[in-house]
């Protein structure tokens, strides 16, 4: 019985320590067809990319998103410039860390300003849909703020 308890405690300790071992998976800004964009997601389901509409001033979009992100539990701003924001989101229970990036750019037609978002898990291949849910939540929360 004692051995089982020790193994469970060691397993939980190892599991709680693992998320912090992963290094950043933020891809940063890349140039594609002479346009700045966020890097592509790998071929694993634990990364999602999308765009959010910017309805107000594109020059204040990153600042607005930084404010919105700061209001969320478990978040930290890593890098912030006028056009780019890199944040981390740490889950409450297991302590998993995800890298979430934002970049102000133009839609593919080059007309309307948009905010690209890339949300990627540091560990594992599956995130059980957490990154897709995060992007949809950010879409809802950012309406009227971007």
Protein backbone atom coordinates (compact mmCIF):
# COMPACT_ATOMS: atom_id res chain seq x y z
CA UNK A 1 0.00 0.00 0.00
CA UNK A 2 2.82 2.42 0.88
CA UNK A 3 4.50 1.71 -2.45
CA UNK A 4 1.34 2.60 -4.34
CA UNK A 5 0.97 5.89 -2.46
CA UNK A 6 4.62 6.76 -3.11
CA UNK A 7 4.24 5.97 -6.83
CA UNK A 8 1.09 8.10 -7.06
CA UNK A 9 2.76 11.02 -5.29
CA UNK A 10 5.84 10.73 -7.55
CA UNK A 11 3.63 10.51 -10.63
CA UNK A 12 1.67 13.61 -9.67
CA UNK A 13 4.87 15.50 -8.84
CA UNK A 14 6.44 14.55 -12.16
CA UNK A 15 3.27 15.48 -14.05
CA UNK A 16 3.03 18.86 -12.37
CA UNK A 17 6.68 19.59 -13.11
CA UNK A 18 6.56 18.55 -16.78
CA UNK A 19 4.65 21.54 -18.21
CA UNK A 20 7.35 23.87 -16.97
CA UNK A 21 10.07 21.89 -18.74
CA UNK A 22 8.81 22.73 -22.22
CA UNK A 23 10.40 25.67 -23.96
CA UNK A 24 8.57 28.36 -25.86
CA UNK A 25 6.94 27.31 -29.11
CA UNK A 26 6.25 30.86 -30.22
CA UNK A 27 7.22 31.06 -33.86
CA UNK A 28 7.48 34.82 -34.03
CA UNK A 29 7.13 36.93 -37.14
CA UNK A 30 8.13 35.52 -40.53
CA UNK A 31 8.01 37.03 -44.00
CA UNK A 32 5.86 35.28 -46.60
CA UNK A 33 5.42 36.81 -50.06
CA UNK A 34 6.87 40.07 -48.78
CA UNK A 35 4.21 40.20 -46.03
CA UNK A 36 4.82 39.83 -42.30
CA UNK A 37 2.85 36.98 -40.75
CA UNK A 38 2.96 34.67 -37.75
CA UNK A 39 4.74 31.39 -38.35
CA UNK A 40 2.70 28.41 -39.48
CA UNK A 41 1.50 25.79 -37.04
CA UNK A 42 3.18 22.39 -37.06
CA UNK A 43 1.24 19.37 -38.33
CA UNK A 44 -0.04 18.58 -34.82
CA UNK A 45 -3.51 19.44 -33.51
CA UNK A 46 -2.15 21.38 -30.50
CA UNK A 47 -1.71 24.64 -32.45
CA UNK A 48 -4.31 26.93 -33.99
CA UNK A 49 -4.06 30.08 -36.13
CA UNK A 50 -6.76 32.54 -37.08
CA UNK A 51 -7.45 36.24 -37.58
CA UNK A 52 -9.54 38.61 -35.53
CA UNK A 53 -11.10 41.69 -37.11
CA UNK A 54 -9.81 45.10 -36.07
CA UNK A 55 -12.79 47.41 -36.00
CA UNK A 56 -11.19 50.45 -34.36
CA UNK A 57 -7.68 51.90 -34.58
CA UNK A 58 -5.11 49.33 -35.80
CA UNK A 59 -2.37 51.23 -33.99
CA UNK A 60 -3.98 50.54 -30.62
CA UNK A 61 -4.95 46.90 -31.33
CA UNK A 62 -1.93 45.36 -29.60
CA UNK A 63 -2.35 47.59 -26.56
CA UNK A 64 -6.05 46.67 -26.37
CA UNK A 65 -5.26 42.97 -26.69
CA UNK A 66 -2.50 43.23 -24.05
CA UNK A 67 -5.04 44.76 -21.66
CA UNK A 68 -7.59 42.05 -22.45
CA UNK A 69 -5.00 39.27 -22.02
CA UNK A 70 -3.78 40.73 -18.71
CA UNK A 71 -7.31 40.40 -17.34
CA UNK A 72 -7.29 36.62 -17.87
CA UNK A 73 -6.08 34.24 -15.13
CA UNK A 74 -2.72 32.55 -15.65
CA UNK A 75 -1.46 34.92 -18.34
CA UNK A 76 1.85 36.70 -18.70
CA UNK A 77 3.11 39.12 -21.33
CA UNK A 78 6.52 38.04 -22.65
CA UNK A 79 7.09 40.52 -25.49
CA UNK A 80 5.13 43.54 -26.65
CA UNK A 81 5.82 45.93 -29.52
CA UNK A 82 3.49 48.18 -31.52
CA UNK A 83 2.61 45.33 -33.91
CA UNK A 84 3.42 42.11 -32.03
CA UNK A 85 2.43 40.54 -28.70
CA UNK A 86 3.74 37.25 -27.25
CA UNK A 87 1.95 35.95 -24.16
CA UNK A 88 1.89 32.75 -22.13
CA UNK A 89 -1.19 31.13 -20.66
CA UNK A 90 -0.77 28.63 -17.80
CA UNK A 91 -3.62 26.23 -17.00
CA UNK A 92 -4.85 26.27 -13.43
CA UNK A 93 -4.92 22.59 -12.55
CA UNK A 94 -2.01 20.97 -14.38
CA UNK A 95 0.15 24.02 -15.07
CA UNK A 96 0.40 23.47 -18.84
CA UNK A 97 1.93 26.48 -20.62
CA UNK A 98 0.72 27.64 -24.03
CA UNK A 99 2.30 30.38 -26.14
CA UNK A 100 -0.16 32.81 -27.70
CA UNK A 101 1.00 35.39 -30.24
CA UNK A 102 -0.72 38.32 -31.93
CA UNK A 103 0.36 40.34 -34.98
CA UNK A 104 -1.30 43.35 -36.59
CA UNK A 105 -1.31 42.87 -40.35
CA UNK A 106 -3.64 43.15 -43.35
CA UNK A 107 -6.12 40.60 -44.68
CA UNK A 108 -4.93 38.47 -47.62
CA UNK A 109 -6.30 41.03 -50.08
CA UNK A 110 -4.19 43.68 -48.33
CA UNK A 111 -7.15 45.87 -47.45
CA UNK A 112 -8.57 45.67 -43.95
CA UNK A 113 -6.33 45.48 -40.89
CA UNK A 114 -6.61 42.23 -38.93
CA UNK A 115 -5.05 40.77 -35.83
CA UNK A 116 -3.46 37.40 -36.49
CA UNK A 117 -3.48 35.05 -33.51
CA UNK A 118 -1.49 31.83 -33.04
CA UNK A 119 -2.05 29.68 -29.96
CA UNK A 120 0.23 26.66 -29.43
CA UNK A 121 0.76 24.14 -26.62
CA UNK A 122 4.33 23.58 -25.49
CA UNK A 123 3.91 19.88 -24.72
CA UNK A 124 2.08 16.97 -26.27
CA UNK A 125 0.36 16.52 -29.57
CA UNK A 126 -3.23 17.05 -28.49
CA UNK A 127 -4.63 19.91 -26.45
CA UNK A 128 -8.22 18.60 -26.33
CA UNK A 129 -9.31 21.67 -28.29
CA UNK A 130 -7.99 24.19 -25.74
CA UNK A 131 -6.24 26.44 -28.30
CA UNK A 132 -9.25 26.59 -30.63
CA UNK A 133 -11.50 27.42 -27.65
CA UNK A 134 -9.05 30.11 -26.53
CA UNK A 135 -9.10 31.80 -29.94
CA UNK A 136 -12.91 31.75 -30.04
CA UNK A 137 -13.04 33.18 -26.53
CA UNK A 138 -10.62 35.94 -27.56
CA UNK A 139 -12.82 36.65 -30.59
CA UNK A 140 -15.87 37.12 -28.36
CA UNK A 141 -14.05 39.17 -25.71
CA UNK A 142 -12.36 41.44 -28.26
CA UNK A 143 -15.55 42.52 -30.04
CA UNK A 144 -15.83 46.26 -29.63
CA UNK A 145 -12.39 46.48 -28.02
CA UNK A 146 -10.21 46.17 -31.15
